[in-house]
Amino acid sequence: YKQQKMENKGEEIAIVGIGCNFPGGEGIDNFWKVLHEGRNCVVDIPPDRFDTKFWYDTDDNKAGKMITKHGSFIEG
């Protein structure tokens, strides 16, 4: 990847909206609510994501395995 210089044409821009999707809810209002309430959005990994019984192992040096059964997930 080669970084390219951008020419400054003196044009102003404005950011007129925001969209986001975070664990705990979609949108900036839900994101703020999660922060304000101090909610923990870490959950057990849902079985429809993948089978933790296959991938989990307490040995953190075992190749091809993971040492957690938890994560934060977005819907959709």
PDB file of N, CA and C in Angstrom:
ATOM      1  N   TYR A   1       0.837  -1.174   0.000  1.00  0.00           N
ATOM      2  CA  TYR A   1       0.000   0.000   0.000  1.00  0.00           C
ATOM      3  C   TYR A   1       0.877   1.229   0.000  1.00  0.00           C
ATOM      4  N   LYS A   2       0.654   2.093  -0.939  1.00  0.00           N
ATOM      5  CA  LYS A   2       1.410   3.336  -1.024  1.00  0.00           C
ATOM      6  C   LYS A   2       0.498   4.493  -0.627  1.00  0.00           C
ATOM      7  N   GLN A   3       0.921   5.223   0.394  1.00  0.00           N
ATOM      8  CA  GLN A   3       0.130   6.358   0.843  1.00  0.00           C
ATOM      9  C   GLN A   3       0.209   7.485  -0.182  1.00  0.00           C
ATOM     10  N   GLN A   4      -0.924   8.073  -0.470  1.00  0.00           N
ATOM     11  CA  GLN A   4      -0.978   9.166  -1.432  1.00  0.00           C
ATOM     12  C   GLN A   4      -1.303  10.464  -0.712  1.00  0.00           C
ATOM     13  N   LYS A   5      -0.669  11.536  -1.148  1.00  0.00           N
ATOM     14  CA  LYS A   5      -0.986  12.844  -0.594  1.00  0.00           C
ATOM     15  C   LYS A   5      -2.263  13.353  -1.244  1.00  0.00           C
ATOM     16  N   MET A   6      -3.098  13.965  -0.418  1.00  0.00           N
ATOM     17  CA  MET A   6      -4.324  14.544  -0.944  1.00  0.00           C
ATOM     18  C   MET A   6      -4.135  16.041  -1.115  1.00  0.00           C
ATOM     19  N   GLU A   7      -4.640  16.522  -2.201  1.00  0.00           N
ATOM     20  CA  GLU A   7      -4.540  17.946  -2.485  1.00  0.00           C
ATOM     21  C   GLU A   7      -5.595  18.696  -1.678  1.00  0.00           C
ATOM     22  N   ASN A   8      -5.186  19.728  -0.977  1.00  0.00           N
ATOM     23  CA  ASN A   8      -6.113  20.553  -0.215  1.00  0.00           C
ATOM     24  C   ASN A   8      -6.692  21.610  -1.138  1.00  0.00           C
ATOM     25  N   LYS A   9      -7.967  21.471  -1.430  1.00  0.00           N
ATOM     26  CA  LYS A   9      -8.623  22.413  -2.334  1.00  0.00           C
ATOM     27  C   LYS A   9      -9.335  23.523  -1.566  1.00  0.00           C
ATOM     28  N   GLY A  10      -9.177  23.545  -0.252  1.00  0.00           N
ATOM     29  CA  GLY A  10      -9.807  24.579   0.547  1.00  0.00           C
ATOM     30  C   GLY A  10     -11.306  24.410   0.706  1.00  0.00           C
ATOM     31  N   GLU A  11     -11.829  23.248   0.364  1.00  0.00           N
ATOM     32  CA  GLU A  11     -13.259  23.002   0.489  1.00  0.00           C
ATOM     33  C   GLU A  11     -13.563  22.523   1.899  1.00  0.00           C
ATOM     34  N   GLU A  12     -14.614  23.069   2.480  1.00  0.00           N
ATOM     35  CA  GLU A  12     -15.021  22.650   3.809  1.00  0.00           C
ATOM     36  C   GLU A  12     -15.969  21.469   3.692  1.00  0.00           C
ATOM     37  N   ILE A  13     -15.950  20.630   4.712  1.00  0.00           N
ATOM     38  CA  ILE A  13     -16.873  19.503   4.766  1.00  0.00           C
ATOM     39  C   ILE A  13     -17.614  19.559   6.094  1.00  0.00           C
ATOM     40  N   ALA A  14     -18.727  18.882   6.159  1.00  0.00           N
ATOM     41  CA  ALA A  14     -19.494  18.798   7.400  1.00  0.00           C
ATOM     42  C   ALA A  14     -19.954  17.365   7.584  1.00  0.00           C
ATOM     43  N   ILE A  15     -19.825  16.880   8.795  1.00  0.00           N
ATOM     44  CA  ILE A  15     -20.359  15.563   9.140  1.00  0.00           C
ATOM     45  C   ILE A  15     -21.758  15.814   9.685  1.00  0.00           C
ATOM     46  N   VAL A  16     -22.757  15.279   9.005  1.00  0.00           N
ATOM     47  CA  VAL A  16     -24.138  15.609   9.349  1.00  0.00           C
ATOM     48  C   VAL A  16     -24.915  14.433   9.939  1.00  0.00           C
ATOM     49  N   GLY A  17     -24.250  13.339  10.204  1.00  0.00           N
ATOM     50  CA  GLY A  17     -24.940  12.198  10.771  1.00  0.00           C
ATOM     51  C   GLY A  17     -23.957  11.203  11.341  1.00  0.00           C
ATOM     52  N   ILE A  18     -24.481  10.261  12.069  1.00  0.00           N
ATOM     53  CA  ILE A  18     -23.642   9.213  12.641  1.00  0.00           C
ATOM     54  C   ILE A  18     -24.457   7.925  12.649  1.00  0.00           C
ATOM     55  N   GLY A  19     -23.811   6.855  12.367  1.00  0.00           N
ATOM     56  CA  GLY A  19     -24.436   5.555  12.444  1.00  0.00           C
ATOM     57  C   GLY A  19     -23.488   4.599  13.140  1.00  0.00           C
ATOM     58  N   CYS A  20     -24.018   3.771  13.991  1.00  0.00           N
ATOM     59  CA  CYS A  20     -23.145   2.835  14.703  1.00  0.00           C
ATOM     60  C   CYS A  20     -23.954   1.635  15.165  1.00  0.00           C
ATOM     61  N   ASN A  21     -23.246   0.574  15.395  1.00  0.00           N
ATOM     62  CA  ASN A  21     -23.843  -0.650  15.908  1.00  0.00           C
ATOM     63  C   ASN A  21     -22.848  -1.252  16.877  1.00  0.00           C
ATOM     64  N   PHE A  22     -23.223  -1.305  18.139  1.00  0.00           N
ATOM     65  CA  PHE A  22     -22.346  -1.804  19.188  1.00  0.00           C
ATOM     66  C   PHE A  22     -23.043  -2.917  19.957  1.00  0.00           C
ATOM     67  N   PRO A  23     -22.273  -3.742  20.664  1.00  0.00           N
ATOM     68  CA  PRO A  23     -22.916  -4.710  21.551  1.00  0.00           C
ATOM     69  C   PRO A  23     -23.833  -3.976  22.525  1.00  0.00           C
ATOM     70  N   GLY A  24     -25.051  -4.460  22.655  1.00  0.00           N
ATOM     71  CA  GLY A  24     -26.009  -3.837  23.552  1.00  0.00           C
ATOM     72  C   GLY A  24     -27.046  -2.994  22.841  1.00  0.00           C
ATOM     73  N   GLY A  25     -26.854  -2.740  21.572  1.00  0.00           N
ATOM     74  CA  GLY A  25     -27.868  -1.986  20.846  1.00  0.00           C
ATOM     75  C   GLY A  25     -27.326  -1.268  19.643  1.00  0.00           C
ATOM     76  N   GLU A  26     -28.232  -0.968  18.742  1.00  0.00           N
ATOM     77  CA  GLU A  26     -27.866  -0.256  17.523  1.00  0.00           C
ATOM     78  C   GLU A  26     -28.170   1.225  17.694  1.00  0.00           C
ATOM     79  N   GLY A  27     -27.282   2.049  17.222  1.00  0.00           N
ATOM     80  CA  GLY A  27     -27.504   3.489  17.253  1.00  0.00           C
ATOM     81  C   GLY A  27     -26.812   4.164  18.418  1.00  0.00           C
ATOM     82  N   ILE A  28     -26.595   5.444  18.244  1.00  0.00           N
ATOM     83  CA  ILE A  28     -25.865   6.219  19.238  1.00  0.00           C
ATOM     84  C   ILE A  28     -26.635   6.324  20.559  1.00  0.00           C
ATOM     85  N   ASP A  29     -27.975   6.388  20.499  1.00  0.00           N
ATOM     86  CA  ASP A  29     -28.762   6.479  21.737  1.00  0.00           C
ATOM     87  C   ASP A  29     -28.603   5.227  22.589  1.00  0.00           C
ATOM     88  N   ASN A  30     -28.647   4.055  21.953  1.00  0.00           N
ATOM     89  CA  ASN A  30     -28.454   2.808  22.701  1.00  0.00           C
ATOM     90  C   ASN A  30     -27.024   2.672  23.199  1.00  0.00           C
ATOM     91  N   PHE A  31     -26.060   3.137  22.409  1.00  0.00           N
ATOM     92  CA  PHE A  31     -24.665   3.108  22.846  1.00  0.00           C
ATOM     93  C   PHE A  31     -24.495   3.955  24.104  1.00  0.00           C
ATOM     94  N   TRP A  32     -25.054   5.163  24.098  1.00  0.00           N
ATOM     95  CA  TRP A  32     -24.958   6.032  25.266  1.00  0.00           C
ATOM     96  C   TRP A  32     -25.656   5.398  26.473  1.00  0.00           C
ATOM     97  N   LYS A  33     -26.810   4.758  26.245  1.00  0.00           N
ATOM     98  CA  LYS A  33     -27.546   4.108  27.336  1.00  0.00           C
ATOM     99  C   LYS A  33     -26.702   3.010  27.983  1.00  0.00           C
ATOM    100  N   VAL A  34     -26.037   2.210  27.162  1.00  0.00           N
ATOM    101  CA  VAL A  34     -25.160   1.151  27.681  1.00  0.00           C
ATOM    102  C   VAL A  34     -24.051   1.760  28.534  1.00  0.00           C
ATOM    103  N   LEU A  35     -23.434   2.836  28.039  1.00  0.00           N
ATOM    104  CA  LEU A  35     -22.369   3.493  28.798  1.00  0.00           C
ATOM    105  C   LEU A  35     -22.900   4.107  30.084  1.00  0.00           C
ATOM    106  N   HIS A  36     -24.022   4.801  29.999  1.00  0.00           N
ATOM    107  CA  HIS A  36     -24.603   5.486  31.152  1.00  0.00           C
ATOM    108  C   HIS A  36     -24.996   4.499  32.247  1.00  0.00           C
ATOM    109  N   GLU A  37     -25.559   3.363  31.850  1.00  0.00           N
ATOM    110  CA  GLU A  37     -25.985   2.350  32.816  1.00  0.00           C
ATOM    111  C   GLU A  37     -24.830   1.482  33.293  1.00  0.00           C
ATOM    112  N   GLY A  38     -23.676   1.598  32.657  1.00  0.00           N
ATOM    113  CA  GLY A  38     -22.527   0.780  33.040  1.00  0.00           C
ATOM    114  C   GLY A  38     -22.743  -0.696  32.769  1.00  0.00           C
ATOM    115  N   ARG A  39     -23.527  -0.988  31.736  1.00  0.00           N
ATOM    116  CA  ARG A  39     -23.836  -2.385  31.425  1.00  0.00           C
ATOM    117  C   ARG A  39     -22.624  -3.124  30.881  1.00  0.00           C
ATOM    118  N   ASN A  40     -22.529  -4.379  31.238  1.00  0.00           N
ATOM    119  CA  ASN A  40     -21.501  -5.272  30.719  1.00  0.00           C
ATOM    120  C   ASN A  40     -22.132  -6.066  29.583  1.00  0.00           C
ATOM    121  N   CYS A  41     -21.647  -5.882  28.379  1.00  0.00           N
ATOM    122  CA  CYS A  41     -22.225  -6.551  27.213  1.00  0.00           C
ATOM    123  C   CYS A  41     -21.462  -7.813  26.826  1.00  0.00           C
ATOM    124  N   VAL A  42     -20.611  -8.294  27.715  1.00  0.00           N
ATOM    125  CA  VAL A  42     -19.899  -9.547  27.477  1.00  0.00           C
ATOM    126  C   VAL A  42     -20.832 -10.692  27.857  1.00  0.00           C
ATOM    127  N   VAL A  43     -20.987 -11.634  26.952  1.00  0.00           N
ATOM    128  CA  VAL A  43     -21.896 -12.766  27.150  1.00  0.00           C
ATOM    129  C   VAL A  43     -21.196 -14.065  26.761  1.00  0.00           C
ATOM    130  N   ASP A  44     -21.809 -15.182  27.138  1.00  0.00           N
ATOM    131  CA  ASP A  44     -21.341 -16.469  26.619  1.00  0.00           C
ATOM    132  C   ASP A  44     -21.491 -16.442  25.097  1.00  0.00           C
ATOM    133  N   ILE A  45     -20.534 -17.017  24.397  1.00  0.00           N
ATOM    134  CA  ILE A  45     -20.604 -17.051  22.937  1.00  0.00           C
ATOM    135  C   ILE A  45     -21.836 -17.855  22.526  1.00  0.00           C
ATOM    136  N   PRO A  46     -22.729 -17.248  21.747  1.00  0.00           N
ATOM    137  CA  PRO A  46     -23.938 -17.955  21.334  1.00  0.00           C
ATOM    138  C   PRO A  46     -23.599 -19.183  20.484  1.00  0.00           C
ATOM    139  N   PRO A  47     -24.284 -20.297  20.712  1.00  0.00           N
ATOM    140  CA  PRO A  47     -23.986 -21.519  19.953  1.00  0.00           C
ATOM    141  C   PRO A  47     -24.206 -21.369  18.455  1.00  0.00           C
ATOM    142  N   ASP A  48     -25.037 -20.401  18.038  1.00  0.00           N
ATOM    143  CA  ASP A  48     -25.234 -20.218  16.598  1.00  0.00           C
ATOM    144  C   ASP A  48     -24.062 -19.482  15.951  1.00  0.00           C
ATOM    145  N   ARG A  49     -23.145 -18.934  16.768  1.00  0.00           N
ATOM    146  CA  ARG A  49     -21.930 -18.302  16.223  1.00  0.00           C
ATOM    147  C   ARG A  49     -20.900 -19.380  15.890  1.00  0.00           C
ATOM    148  N   PHE A  50     -20.569 -20.191  16.878  1.00  0.00           N
ATOM    149  CA  PHE A  50     -19.730 -21.369  16.668  1.00  0.00           C
ATOM    150  C   PHE A  50     -19.728 -22.217  17.923  1.00  0.00           C
ATOM    151  N   ASP A  51     -19.287 -23.448  17.781  1.00  0.00           N
ATOM    152  CA  ASP A  51     -19.315 -24.433  18.860  1.00  0.00           C
ATOM    153  C   ASP A  51     -18.111 -24.247  19.778  1.00  0.00           C
ATOM    154  N   THR A  52     -18.328 -23.623  20.926  1.00  0.00           N
ATOM    155  CA  THR A  52     -17.211 -23.404  21.849  1.00  0.00           C
ATOM    156  C   THR A  52     -16.691 -24.716  22.425  1.00  0.00           C
ATOM    157  N   LYS A  53     -17.520 -25.741  22.466  1.00  0.00           N
ATOM    158  CA  LYS A  53     -17.047 -27.032  22.986  1.00  0.00           C
ATOM    159  C   LYS A  53     -15.909 -27.580  22.125  1.00  0.00           C
ATOM    160  N   PHE A  54     -15.953 -27.290  20.832  1.00  0.00           N
ATOM    161  CA  PHE A  54     -14.909 -27.752  19.929  1.00  0.00           C
ATOM    162  C   PHE A  54     -13.661 -26.880  20.034  1.00  0.00           C
ATOM    163  N   TRP A  55     -13.826 -25.556  20.096  1.00  0.00           N
ATOM    164  CA  TRP A  55     -12.703 -24.625  20.021  1.00  0.00           C
ATOM    165  C   TRP A  55     -12.074 -24.289  21.368  1.00  0.00           C
ATOM    166  N   TYR A  56     -12.793 -24.456  22.472  1.00  0.00           N
ATOM    167  CA  TYR A  56     -12.298 -24.037  23.782  1.00  0.00           C
ATOM    168  C   TYR A  56     -11.334 -25.059  24.376  1.00  0.00           C
ATOM    169  N   ASP A  57     -10.271 -24.531  24.996  1.00  0.00           N
ATOM    170  CA  ASP A  57      -9.350 -25.369  25.763  1.00  0.00           C
ATOM    171  C   ASP A  57      -8.687 -24.486  26.809  1.00  0.00           C
ATOM    172  N   THR A  58      -8.513 -25.000  28.007  1.00  0.00           N
ATOM    173  CA  THR A  58      -7.879 -24.213  29.074  1.00  0.00           C
ATOM    174  C   THR A  58      -6.390 -24.028  28.833  1.00  0.00           C
ATOM    175  N   ASP A  59      -5.805 -24.848  27.972  1.00  0.00           N
ATOM    176  CA  ASP A  59      -4.380 -24.727  27.645  1.00  0.00           C
ATOM    177  C   ASP A  59      -4.199 -23.633  26.595  1.00  0.00           C
ATOM    178  N   ASP A  60      -3.649 -22.483  27.025  1.00  0.00           N
ATOM    179  CA  ASP A  60      -3.519 -21.356  26.097  1.00  0.00           C
ATOM    180  C   ASP A  60      -2.395 -21.532  25.082  1.00  0.00           C
ATOM    181  N   ASN A  61      -1.678 -22.639  25.156  1.00  0.00           N
ATOM    182  CA  ASN A  61      -0.624 -22.921  24.178  1.00  0.00           C
ATOM    183  C   ASN A  61      -1.043 -23.959  23.139  1.00  0.00           C
ATOM    184  N   LYS A  62      -2.245 -24.467  23.259  1.00  0.00           N
ATOM    185  CA  LYS A  62      -2.704 -25.495  22.328  1.00  0.00           C
ATOM    186  C   LYS A  62      -3.091 -24.852  20.992  1.00  0.00           C
ATOM    187  N   ALA A  63      -2.450 -25.305  19.936  1.00  0.00           N
ATOM    188  CA  ALA A  63      -2.692 -24.740  18.601  1.00  0.00           C
ATOM    189  C   ALA A  63      -4.134 -24.967  18.161  1.00  0.00           C
ATOM    190  N   GLY A  64      -4.711 -23.955  17.549  1.00  0.00           N
ATOM    191  CA  GLY A  64      -6.051 -24.072  16.995  1.00  0.00           C
ATOM    192  C   GLY A  64      -7.171 -23.996  18.009  1.00  0.00           C
ATOM    193  N   LYS A  65      -6.848 -23.644  19.238  1.00  0.00           N
ATOM    194  CA  LYS A  65      -7.861 -23.546  20.288  1.00  0.00           C
ATOM    195  C   LYS A  65      -7.908 -22.128  20.837  1.00  0.00           C
ATOM    196  N   MET A  66      -8.972 -21.825  21.582  1.00  0.00           N
ATOM    197  CA  MET A  66      -9.082 -20.524  22.233  1.00  0.00           C
ATOM    198  C   MET A  66      -9.329 -20.733  23.720  1.00  0.00           C
ATOM    199  N   ILE A  67      -9.010 -19.725  24.513  1.00  0.00           N
ATOM    200  CA  ILE A  67      -9.123 -19.883  25.963  1.00  0.00           C
ATOM    201  C   ILE A  67     -10.271 -19.069  26.551  1.00  0.00           C
ATOM    202  N   THR A  68     -11.211 -18.668  25.740  1.00  0.00           N
ATOM    203  CA  THR A  68     -12.371 -17.937  26.247  1.00  0.00           C
ATOM    204  C   THR A  68     -13.656 -18.509  25.671  1.00  0.00           C
ATOM    205  N   LYS A  69     -14.713 -18.352  26.432  1.00  0.00           N
ATOM    206  CA  LYS A  69     -16.043 -18.749  25.981  1.00  0.00           C
ATOM    207  C   LYS A  69     -16.966 -17.535  25.927  1.00  0.00           C
ATOM    208  N   HIS A  70     -16.381 -16.340  25.989  1.00  0.00           N
ATOM    209  CA  HIS A  70     -17.171 -15.118  26.096  1.00  0.00           C
ATOM    210  C   HIS A  70     -16.784 -14.109  25.026  1.00  0.00           C
ATOM    211  N   GLY A  71     -17.691 -13.213  24.739  1.00  0.00           N
ATOM    212  CA  GLY A  71     -17.420 -12.148  23.784  1.00  0.00           C
ATOM    213  C   GLY A  71     -18.537 -11.115  23.810  1.00  0.00           C
ATOM    214  N   SER A  72     -18.352 -10.068  23.053  1.00  0.00           N
ATOM    215  CA  SER A  72     -19.379  -9.035  22.875  1.00  0.00           C
ATOM    216  C   SER A  72     -19.775  -9.051  21.408  1.00  0.00           C
ATOM    217  N   PHE A  73     -21.054  -9.147  21.149  1.00  0.00           N
ATOM    218  CA  PHE A  73     -21.528  -9.374  19.788  1.00  0.00           C
ATOM    219  C   PHE A  73     -22.575  -8.349  19.387  1.00  0.00           C
ATOM    220  N   ILE A  74     -22.617  -8.060  18.098  1.00  0.00           N
ATOM    221  CA  ILE A  74     -23.671  -7.215  17.557  1.00  0.00           C
ATOM    222  C   ILE A  74     -24.643  -8.095  16.796  1.00  0.00           C
ATOM    223  N   GLU A  75     -25.864  -7.662  16.720  1.00  0.00           N
ATOM    224  CA  GLU A  75     -26.900  -8.414  16.013  1.00  0.00           C
ATOM    225  C   GLU A  75     -27.019  -7.903  14.585  1.00  0.00           C
ATOM    226  N   GLY A  76     -27.364  -8.830  13.697  1.00  0.00           N
ATOM    227  CA  GLY A  76     -27.643  -8.410  12.328  1.00  0.00           C
ATOM    228  C   GLY A  76     -26.540  -8.489  11.366  1.00  0.00           C
TER     229      GLY A  76
END
